[in-house]
Amino acid sequence: MLTPSFELQQNKDFLTIIIKAPFAKVAETEIFIEENGFKFYSKPYFLRLTLPGNIVEDGREKADYDVEKGIFTVLVPKETSGEHFEGLDMLTKLLAPQKKTKDVSPLIEVINDDDDDSNIGNDNTDNDDGDDFDWCIEQEPYVEKQGLLDAPKYGFANQKSGVFQRLQEEMVYVVDCPDPDQCNLTDRRKLRLDTEWEKFDEDHYLADLFEDENIQQILNYKPRFYDEVKLLNIGQSVEKIIEFDDDERDILKKLPRKEYILDSIEKSHVYLGLVDIIYAYTYNHRCTEGENHCESGWTISKISATLSWLEVFTSIKEVIQCCYRRSLCYPLYRHWCLNDTVLHDVIQILRLGRRCILKILLEIRSIMMDQENRYLLNDLYITDYCVWIQSSSAKKLQSLAQALSKVMY
């Protein structure tokens, strides 16, 4: 667990606790208030404060989360209005656990009869080894480190660094790249290619080639994209063809309001990364016939080198080669015709434009949010893509579709 950076402010009635937690799983945030104790948990962050005065939970407390800054602001009422809390800048003291009261042994101790086995196998008996969260773990104040200018970059538009170093325990199994904060793009790519060669299984590929009943069924599946393209071609507006449901509209309202200033090279990287992510999504969509399951997050992140290796592409050819390679190395179905069909699906999606892509990105975001630690990929890539795609170039998406068609045919 990580101790987040925090600060405290006060007035005569309230204590304000400002917690910086940019990679928190907000949907599972828990806050506890009891006398002079304050506890905050939002994976992977944990904060326990022992305050110099009592606070209460009386209906006036509230908490807000700033999506753009990744900051929780928690307003907690003081038990005694007008009381001044001393030493709110003494962070180490505030983080120290409460002193335990000395255990007093009971005057009479009841010892179970060794011969009484009536409770054996009873699930209702107390168990001291339960899986409850340990609220007494040691904490250490977090000090923000200055990132090196030449540190390896990754994430949306290659603009993040140092994330894995801080979230090392949480990032296990999220990406395939070992130690991304010490591994530049060239090294990451070499490791990825070497790993793909090792993972390619000739027997699995040949089995899918000659025993392809299941794959033929997948190839015959028609995703909704094809019907939507037909409607678009006969003149229907994309707004009527593709509509957002209430849940999607709620998510869109909560997305950060950002403006991305990217140069031509960064824009190219972002568009090519989008093709990679959409290909991985479409592979999963076709193989599950539109019904996501518990392995969907793994499939999408595994096929997409952007998500699994923090890859940055420089050409359409690179993207397609990578998508095909990974589709023949990792998922359950490994068939060249399946790869071609998935690529054709991607072309239809790009033709439908930003509205269709945004809906797909929101679905990917929801899939990752339900995974153990893969929700962190939303913070690195998917959420930014959801915001950026709304102002992306429609002409560029159409040119990507044309470029993919030329490579395919």
Protein backbone atom coordinates (compact mmCIF):
# COMPACT_ATOMS: atom_id res chain seq x y z
CA MET A 1 0.00 0.00 0.00
CA LEU A 2 1.15 3.53 -0.81
CA THR A 3 0.93 6.46 1.55
CA PRO A 4 -0.36 9.33 -0.59
CA SER A 5 0.89 12.89 -0.44
CA PHE A 6 -1.53 14.94 1.70
CA GLU A 7 -2.08 18.20 3.55
CA LEU A 8 -4.52 19.40 6.18
CA GLN A 9 -6.36 22.71 6.57
CA GLN A 10 -8.88 23.85 9.16
CA ASN A 11 -11.38 26.49 10.13
CA LYS A 12 -13.44 26.74 13.29
CA ASP A 13 -15.96 24.07 12.20
CA PHE A 14 -14.22 21.77 9.73
CA LEU A 15 -11.01 19.92 9.02
CA THR A 16 -10.11 19.65 5.32
CA ILE A 17 -7.91 16.75 4.24
CA ILE A 18 -6.44 17.08 0.74
CA ILE A 19 -5.13 13.76 -0.62
CA LYS A 20 -3.17 13.45 -3.86
CA ALA A 21 -4.01 10.03 -5.35
CA PRO A 22 -3.77 10.24 -9.15
CA PHE A 23 -3.96 6.48 -9.79
CA ALA A 24 -6.67 5.61 -7.27
CA LYS A 25 -9.50 3.20 -8.00
CA VAL A 26 -12.09 5.83 -7.15
CA ALA A 27 -15.11 3.52 -7.40
CA GLU A 28 -13.85 1.49 -4.41
CA THR A 29 -12.84 4.36 -2.12
CA GLU A 30 -13.52 3.95 1.60
CA ILE A 31 -13.34 6.66 4.30
CA PHE A 32 -13.72 6.02 8.05
CA ILE A 33 -14.17 8.66 10.77
CA GLU A 34 -14.03 7.78 14.46
CA GLU A 35 -13.11 10.14 17.31
CA ASN A 36 -9.56 11.32 16.53
CA GLY A 37 -8.97 8.69 13.85
CA PHE A 38 -9.28 9.21 10.08
CA LYS A 39 -8.77 6.37 7.59
CA PHE A 40 -8.75 6.56 3.81
CA TYR A 41 -8.41 3.64 1.40
CA SER A 42 -8.55 3.84 -2.38
CA LYS A 43 -6.44 1.18 -4.04
CA PRO A 44 -3.43 1.41 -4.14
CA TYR A 45 -3.42 4.22 -1.55
CA PHE A 46 -3.90 3.98 2.19
CA LEU A 47 -3.84 6.81 4.72
CA ARG A 48 -4.41 6.57 8.46
CA LEU A 49 -4.21 9.74 10.56
CA THR A 50 -4.23 10.16 14.32
CA LEU A 51 -5.49 13.71 14.80
CA PRO A 52 -4.89 16.09 17.75
CA GLY A 53 -8.66 16.47 18.21
CA ASN A 54 -11.89 14.60 17.62
CA ILE A 55 -13.91 14.64 14.40
CA VAL A 56 -17.46 13.40 13.85
CA GLU A 57 -19.63 11.89 11.16
CA ASP A 58 -22.90 13.81 11.41
CA GLY A 59 -24.08 14.31 7.84
CA ARG A 60 -22.08 17.47 7.17
CA GLU A 61 -19.01 15.57 5.98
CA LYS A 62 -18.37 15.34 2.24
CA ALA A 63 -15.69 14.24 -0.22
CA ASP A 64 -14.92 15.35 -3.77
CA TYR A 65 -12.49 13.99 -6.37
CA ASP A 66 -10.85 16.18 -8.99
CA VAL A 67 -10.34 13.87 -11.97
CA GLU A 68 -7.94 16.19 -13.77
CA LYS A 69 -5.59 16.64 -10.81
CA GLY A 70 -6.18 13.26 -9.13
CA ILE A 71 -6.95 14.90 -5.78
CA PHE A 72 -9.48 13.93 -3.08
CA THR A 73 -10.77 16.78 -0.91
CA VAL A 74 -12.42 15.49 2.27
CA LEU A 75 -14.33 17.90 4.53
CA VAL A 76 -14.87 16.55 8.06
CA PRO A 77 -16.74 18.31 10.93
CA LYS A 78 -14.95 18.93 14.21
CA GLU A 79 -16.63 17.47 17.27
CA THR A 80 -16.16 20.75 19.15
CA SER A 81 -16.82 23.83 17.06
CA GLY A 82 -14.10 26.44 17.43
CA GLU A 83 -11.45 23.99 18.63
CA HIS A 84 -8.03 24.59 17.07
CA PHE A 85 -6.09 21.46 16.10
CA GLU A 86 -2.40 21.94 16.90
CA GLY A 87 0.42 20.41 14.85
CA LEU A 88 -1.37 19.68 11.57
CA ASP A 89 1.94 20.17 9.77
CA MET A 90 3.66 17.44 11.82
CA LEU A 91 3.03 14.73 9.23
CA THR A 92 5.13 11.99 10.82
CA LYS A 93 3.27 12.34 14.11
CA LEU A 94 -0.09 12.31 12.35
CA LEU A 95 0.83 9.11 10.49
CA ALA A 96 1.89 7.28 13.65
CA PRO A 97 -0.63 4.62 14.77
CA GLN A 98 -2.63 5.18 17.92
CA LYS A 99 -1.00 3.84 21.05
CA LYS A 100 -2.50 0.51 21.99
CA THR A 101 -4.05 0.25 25.41
CA LYS A 102 -2.38 -2.27 27.67
CA ASP A 103 -4.12 -5.63 27.51
CA VAL A 104 -5.71 -6.64 30.78
CA SER A 105 -6.02 -10.36 31.31
CA PRO A 106 -9.44 -11.55 32.44
CA LEU A 107 -9.74 -12.78 35.99
CA ILE A 108 -11.48 -15.95 34.81
CA GLU A 109 -10.37 -17.80 31.69
CA VAL A 110 -12.66 -20.35 30.05
CA ILE A 111 -10.80 -23.22 28.42
CA ASN A 112 -12.60 -25.35 25.87
CA ASP A 113 -12.83 -29.03 26.59
CA ASP A 114 -10.36 -30.76 24.32
CA ASP A 115 -12.91 -33.54 23.82
CA ASP A 116 -15.59 -31.12 22.60
CA ASP A 117 -15.45 -31.32 18.83
CA SER A 118 -18.89 -29.85 18.25
CA ASN A 119 -17.44 -26.76 16.56
CA ILE A 120 -15.18 -28.65 14.18
CA GLY A 121 -16.10 -27.72 10.62
CA ASN A 122 -18.45 -24.96 11.79
CA ASP A 123 -18.01 -22.01 9.41
CA ASN A 124 -19.39 -19.60 12.00
CA THR A 125 -16.52 -20.01 14.47
CA ASP A 126 -14.22 -17.01 14.91
CA ASN A 127 -11.04 -17.03 12.85
CA ASP A 128 -8.16 -14.80 13.84
CA ASP A 129 -6.55 -15.36 10.45
CA GLY A 130 -9.26 -13.58 8.46
CA ASP A 131 -8.63 -11.62 5.31
CA ASP A 132 -9.70 -8.26 6.78
CA PHE A 133 -7.64 -5.26 5.74
CA ASP A 134 -4.81 -4.45 8.16
CA TRP A 135 -5.45 -0.86 9.23
CA CYS A 136 -2.32 -0.83 11.38
CA ILE A 137 0.28 -1.17 8.64
CA GLU A 138 3.29 1.12 8.82
CA GLN A 139 3.14 4.37 6.87
CA GLU A 140 5.84 6.60 5.50
CA PRO A 141 5.21 10.16 4.29
CA TYR A 142 5.46 10.28 0.52
CA VAL A 143 7.87 12.79 -0.98
CA GLU A 144 7.32 13.60 -4.65
CA LYS A 145 10.48 12.88 -6.60
CA GLN A 146 11.67 15.08 -9.42
CA GLY A 147 11.62 13.07 -12.63
CA LEU A 148 14.75 12.96 -14.77
CA LEU A 149 14.50 14.67 -18.13
CA ASP A 150 15.91 11.61 -19.89
CA ALA A 151 13.73 9.10 -18.00
CA PRO A 152 11.88 6.58 -20.21
CA LYS A 153 8.46 7.87 -21.26
CA TYR A 154 5.21 6.00 -21.90
CA GLY A 155 1.45 6.47 -21.61
CA PHE A 156 -0.81 8.57 -23.80
CA ALA A 157 1.29 10.63 -26.23
CA ASN A 158 4.37 9.32 -24.42
CA GLN A 159 3.91 11.92 -21.68
CA LYS A 160 4.23 9.94 -18.45
CA SER A 161 7.20 8.57 -16.51
CA GLY A 162 7.98 7.25 -13.04
CA VAL A 163 4.54 5.68 -12.56
CA PHE A 164 5.74 2.09 -12.34
CA GLN A 165 8.52 2.91 -9.92
CA ARG A 166 6.02 4.19 -7.41
CA LEU A 167 3.26 1.65 -8.09
CA GLN A 168 5.54 -1.35 -8.49
CA GLU A 169 3.48 -3.79 -6.41
CA GLU A 170 0.22 -2.78 -8.08
CA MET A 171 1.69 -3.02 -11.58
CA VAL A 172 2.58 -6.71 -11.30
CA TYR A 173 1.03 -8.58 -14.25
CA VAL A 174 -0.49 -5.37 -15.65
CA VAL A 175 2.20 -5.00 -18.31
CA ASP A 176 4.71 -7.47 -19.72
CA CYS A 177 7.60 -5.03 -19.81
CA PRO A 178 9.91 -5.51 -16.82
CA ASP A 179 10.88 -2.27 -15.02
CA PRO A 180 9.52 0.23 -17.58
CA ASP A 181 11.04 3.19 -15.74
CA GLN A 182 14.51 1.84 -16.46
CA CYS A 183 13.80 0.55 -19.96
CA ASN A 184 13.74 2.91 -22.94
CA LEU A 185 11.65 2.39 -26.06
CA THR A 186 14.40 0.63 -28.02
CA ASP A 187 15.01 -1.86 -25.22
CA ARG A 188 11.29 -2.40 -24.70
CA ARG A 189 10.81 -3.23 -28.35
CA LYS A 190 13.74 -5.66 -28.44
CA LEU A 191 12.44 -7.45 -25.35
CA ARG A 192 8.95 -7.60 -26.83
CA LEU A 193 10.10 -9.12 -30.11
CA ASP A 194 12.30 -11.67 -28.33
CA THR A 195 9.42 -12.65 -26.05
CA GLU A 196 7.03 -13.07 -28.99
CA TRP A 197 9.45 -15.41 -30.74
CA GLU A 198 9.66 -17.49 -27.57
CA LYS A 199 5.87 -17.58 -27.12
CA PHE A 200 4.97 -18.60 -30.68
CA ASP A 201 3.77 -22.20 -30.64
CA GLU A 202 3.87 -23.95 -34.04
CA ASP A 203 1.71 -26.84 -32.84
CA HIS A 204 -1.03 -24.52 -31.58
CA TYR A 205 -1.01 -22.59 -34.85
CA LEU A 206 -1.18 -25.76 -37.00
CA ALA A 207 -3.95 -27.19 -34.84
CA ASP A 208 -6.06 -24.06 -35.37
CA LEU A 209 -5.24 -24.15 -39.09
CA PHE A 210 -6.50 -27.69 -39.71
CA GLU A 211 -9.08 -28.06 -36.93
CA ASP A 212 -10.90 -24.81 -37.45
CA GLU A 213 -14.58 -25.47 -36.74
CA ASN A 214 -14.68 -22.98 -33.88
CA ILE A 215 -12.72 -20.44 -35.88
CA GLN A 216 -15.10 -20.75 -38.84
CA GLN A 217 -17.98 -19.92 -36.51
CA ILE A 218 -16.10 -16.84 -35.31
CA LEU A 219 -15.35 -15.82 -38.90
CA ASN A 220 -19.05 -16.04 -39.77
CA TYR A 221 -20.06 -13.73 -36.90
CA LYS A 222 -21.12 -10.28 -38.10
CA PRO A 223 -20.47 -7.46 -35.62
CA ARG A 224 -22.86 -4.53 -35.50
CA PHE A 225 -20.26 -2.30 -37.20
CA TYR A 226 -21.15 -3.64 -40.64
CA ASP A 227 -24.84 -2.77 -40.37
CA GLU A 228 -23.92 0.66 -39.02
CA VAL A 229 -21.62 1.30 -42.00
CA LYS A 230 -24.44 0.34 -44.39
CA LEU A 231 -26.75 2.84 -42.71
CA LEU A 232 -24.05 5.49 -42.90
CA ASN A 233 -23.53 4.80 -46.61
CA ILE A 234 -27.22 5.36 -47.41
CA GLY A 235 -27.18 8.76 -45.79
CA GLN A 236 -28.27 8.28 -42.18
CA SER A 237 -26.51 10.52 -39.67
CA VAL A 238 -23.99 8.90 -37.36
CA GLU A 239 -25.76 10.51 -34.36
CA LYS A 240 -28.89 8.44 -35.09
CA ILE A 241 -26.93 5.28 -35.88
CA ILE A 242 -24.73 5.32 -32.78
CA GLU A 243 -26.29 6.53 -29.54
CA PHE A 244 -24.86 6.68 -26.01
CA ASP A 245 -26.81 5.09 -23.18
CA ASP A 246 -27.34 6.71 -19.77
CA ASP A 247 -24.31 5.02 -18.19
CA GLU A 248 -22.04 6.17 -21.00
CA ARG A 249 -23.34 9.73 -20.75
CA ASP A 250 -22.66 9.73 -17.01
CA ILE A 251 -19.08 8.59 -17.62
CA LEU A 252 -18.59 11.27 -20.28
CA LYS A 253 -19.69 13.94 -17.80
CA LYS A 254 -17.08 12.76 -15.30
CA LEU A 255 -14.15 12.62 -17.72
CA PRO A 256 -11.44 15.23 -17.17
CA ARG A 257 -11.62 18.38 -19.28
CA LYS A 258 -8.26 18.49 -21.00
CA GLU A 259 -6.81 20.11 -24.06
CA TYR A 260 -3.99 18.19 -25.73
CA ILE A 261 -1.28 20.19 -27.45
CA LEU A 262 0.58 17.64 -29.57
CA ASP A 263 3.12 18.09 -32.32
CA SER A 264 2.82 16.16 -35.61
CA ILE A 265 5.01 13.27 -34.40
CA GLU A 266 3.04 12.87 -31.16
CA LYS A 267 -0.24 12.94 -33.07
CA SER A 268 1.03 10.19 -35.36
CA HIS A 269 2.01 8.04 -32.35
CA VAL A 270 -1.43 8.57 -30.78
CA TYR A 271 -3.35 7.62 -33.94
CA LEU A 272 -1.24 4.50 -34.51
CA GLY A 273 -1.63 3.49 -30.87
CA LEU A 274 -5.38 3.89 -31.29
CA VAL A 275 -5.36 1.41 -34.21
CA ASP A 276 -3.43 -1.06 -32.02
CA ILE A 277 -5.93 -0.76 -29.14
CA ILE A 278 -8.98 -0.95 -31.41
CA TYR A 279 -7.56 -4.06 -33.11
CA ALA A 280 -7.16 -5.78 -29.71
CA TYR A 281 -10.70 -4.81 -28.72
CA THR A 282 -12.14 -6.04 -32.04
CA TYR A 283 -10.34 -9.38 -31.73
CA ASN A 284 -11.97 -9.89 -28.33
CA HIS A 285 -15.36 -8.65 -29.59
CA ARG A 286 -15.38 -11.09 -32.50
CA CYS A 287 -14.09 -14.10 -30.54
CA THR A 288 -16.67 -13.58 -27.77
CA GLU A 289 -19.38 -12.67 -30.32
CA GLY A 290 -19.93 -9.40 -28.51
CA GLU A 291 -20.28 -10.92 -25.02
CA ASN A 292 -17.35 -9.80 -22.84
CA HIS A 293 -16.22 -12.16 -20.08
CA CYS A 294 -13.65 -12.31 -17.29
CA GLU A 295 -10.78 -12.87 -19.76
CA SER A 296 -11.64 -9.92 -22.00
CA GLY A 297 -9.38 -7.49 -20.14
CA TRP A 298 -6.48 -9.92 -20.39
CA THR A 299 -7.10 -10.49 -24.12
CA ILE A 300 -7.26 -6.80 -24.99
CA SER A 301 -4.22 -5.81 -22.97
CA LYS A 302 -2.22 -8.83 -24.16
CA ILE A 303 -2.82 -8.34 -27.89
CA SER A 304 -2.25 -4.60 -27.72
CA ALA A 305 1.48 -3.93 -27.48
CA THR A 306 0.61 -0.36 -26.55
CA LEU A 307 -1.03 -1.61 -23.34
CA SER A 308 1.24 -4.58 -22.58
CA TRP A 309 4.65 -3.24 -23.67
CA LEU A 310 4.06 0.54 -23.74
CA GLU A 311 4.95 0.38 -27.43
CA VAL A 312 5.13 3.47 -29.64
CA PHE A 313 4.54 2.93 -33.35
CA THR A 314 5.89 4.94 -36.27
CA SER A 315 4.03 3.41 -39.23
CA ILE A 316 0.87 1.53 -40.19
CA LYS A 317 2.98 -1.44 -41.26
CA GLU A 318 4.53 -1.68 -37.78
CA VAL A 319 1.11 -1.68 -36.13
CA ILE A 320 -0.31 -4.43 -38.34
CA GLN A 321 2.77 -6.62 -38.00
CA CYS A 322 2.66 -6.29 -34.23
CA CYS A 323 -1.09 -7.00 -34.00
CA TYR A 324 -0.76 -10.09 -36.18
CA ARG A 325 2.27 -11.39 -34.30
CA ARG A 326 0.65 -11.06 -30.90
CA SER A 327 -2.65 -12.54 -32.12
CA LEU A 328 -0.71 -15.63 -33.26
CA CYS A 329 1.22 -15.95 -29.98
CA TYR A 330 -1.12 -15.39 -27.04
CA PRO A 331 -4.92 -15.80 -27.31
CA LEU A 332 -6.93 -18.99 -27.56
CA TYR A 333 -7.64 -18.75 -31.31
CA ARG A 334 -4.60 -18.26 -33.55
CA HIS A 335 -5.45 -18.16 -37.23
CA TRP A 336 -4.25 -15.95 -40.07
CA CYS A 337 -7.71 -15.57 -41.61
CA LEU A 338 -9.04 -14.49 -38.23
CA ASN A 339 -6.39 -11.76 -38.13
CA ASP A 340 -7.42 -10.55 -41.59
CA THR A 341 -11.07 -10.49 -40.59
CA VAL A 342 -10.35 -8.55 -37.40
CA LEU A 343 -8.36 -6.00 -39.41
CA HIS A 344 -11.34 -5.61 -41.73
CA ASP A 345 -13.51 -4.99 -38.64
CA VAL A 346 -11.12 -2.23 -37.55
CA ILE A 347 -11.48 -0.55 -40.94
CA GLN A 348 -15.30 -0.45 -40.52
CA ILE A 349 -14.94 1.10 -37.07
CA LEU A 350 -12.60 3.82 -38.36
CA ARG A 351 -15.05 4.57 -41.18
CA LEU A 352 -17.79 5.15 -38.61
CA GLY A 353 -15.60 7.82 -37.03
CA ARG A 354 -15.17 9.39 -33.62
CA ARG A 355 -18.58 8.54 -32.17
CA CYS A 356 -18.15 4.80 -32.71
CA ILE A 357 -14.54 4.86 -31.48
CA LEU A 358 -15.53 6.78 -28.34
CA LYS A 359 -18.23 4.23 -27.55
CA ILE A 360 -15.66 1.43 -27.92
CA LEU A 361 -13.11 3.25 -25.75
CA LEU A 362 -15.73 3.67 -23.04
CA GLU A 363 -16.41 -0.06 -23.21
CA ILE A 364 -12.68 -0.84 -22.92
CA ARG A 365 -12.47 1.54 -19.96
CA SER A 366 -15.34 -0.31 -18.26
CA ILE A 367 -13.71 -3.69 -18.92
CA MET A 368 -10.40 -2.56 -17.43
CA MET A 369 -12.14 -0.98 -14.44
CA ASP A 370 -13.50 -4.40 -13.46
CA GLN A 371 -10.06 -6.05 -13.58
CA GLU A 372 -7.86 -6.46 -10.51
CA ASN A 373 -5.09 -3.99 -11.39
CA ARG A 374 -5.66 -3.28 -15.09
CA TYR A 375 -7.73 -0.23 -14.19
CA LEU A 376 -4.32 1.50 -14.08
CA LEU A 377 -4.18 1.17 -17.88
CA ASN A 378 -7.14 3.55 -17.96
CA ASP A 379 -5.02 6.15 -16.16
CA LEU A 380 -2.09 5.59 -18.49
CA TYR A 381 -3.99 5.43 -21.80
CA ILE A 382 -7.71 4.82 -22.14
CA THR A 383 -9.18 7.79 -20.25
CA ASP A 384 -6.95 10.19 -22.19
CA TYR A 385 -7.98 8.51 -25.43
CA CYS A 386 -11.66 8.95 -24.46
CA VAL A 387 -11.11 12.69 -23.98
CA TRP A 388 -8.82 13.20 -26.98
CA ILE A 389 -10.90 11.30 -29.56
CA GLN A 390 -13.77 13.79 -29.16
CA SER A 391 -11.65 16.52 -30.75
CA SER A 392 -9.54 14.36 -33.06
CA SER A 393 -9.43 14.83 -36.82
CA ALA A 394 -12.26 13.04 -38.67
CA LYS A 395 -10.21 13.21 -41.87
CA LYS A 396 -7.27 11.54 -40.16
CA LEU A 397 -9.46 8.62 -39.06
CA GLN A 398 -10.71 8.18 -42.61
CA SER A 399 -7.14 8.27 -43.95
CA LEU A 400 -6.19 5.59 -41.42
CA ALA A 401 -9.03 3.41 -42.69
CA GLN A 402 -7.81 3.92 -46.28
CA ALA A 403 -4.21 3.15 -45.32
CA LEU A 404 -5.25 -0.09 -43.60
CA SER A 405 -7.31 -1.06 -46.66
CA LYS A 406 -4.32 -0.55 -48.97
CA VAL A 407 -2.10 -2.71 -46.76
CA MET A 408 -4.78 -5.39 -46.50
CA TYR A 409 -5.59 -5.59 -50.20
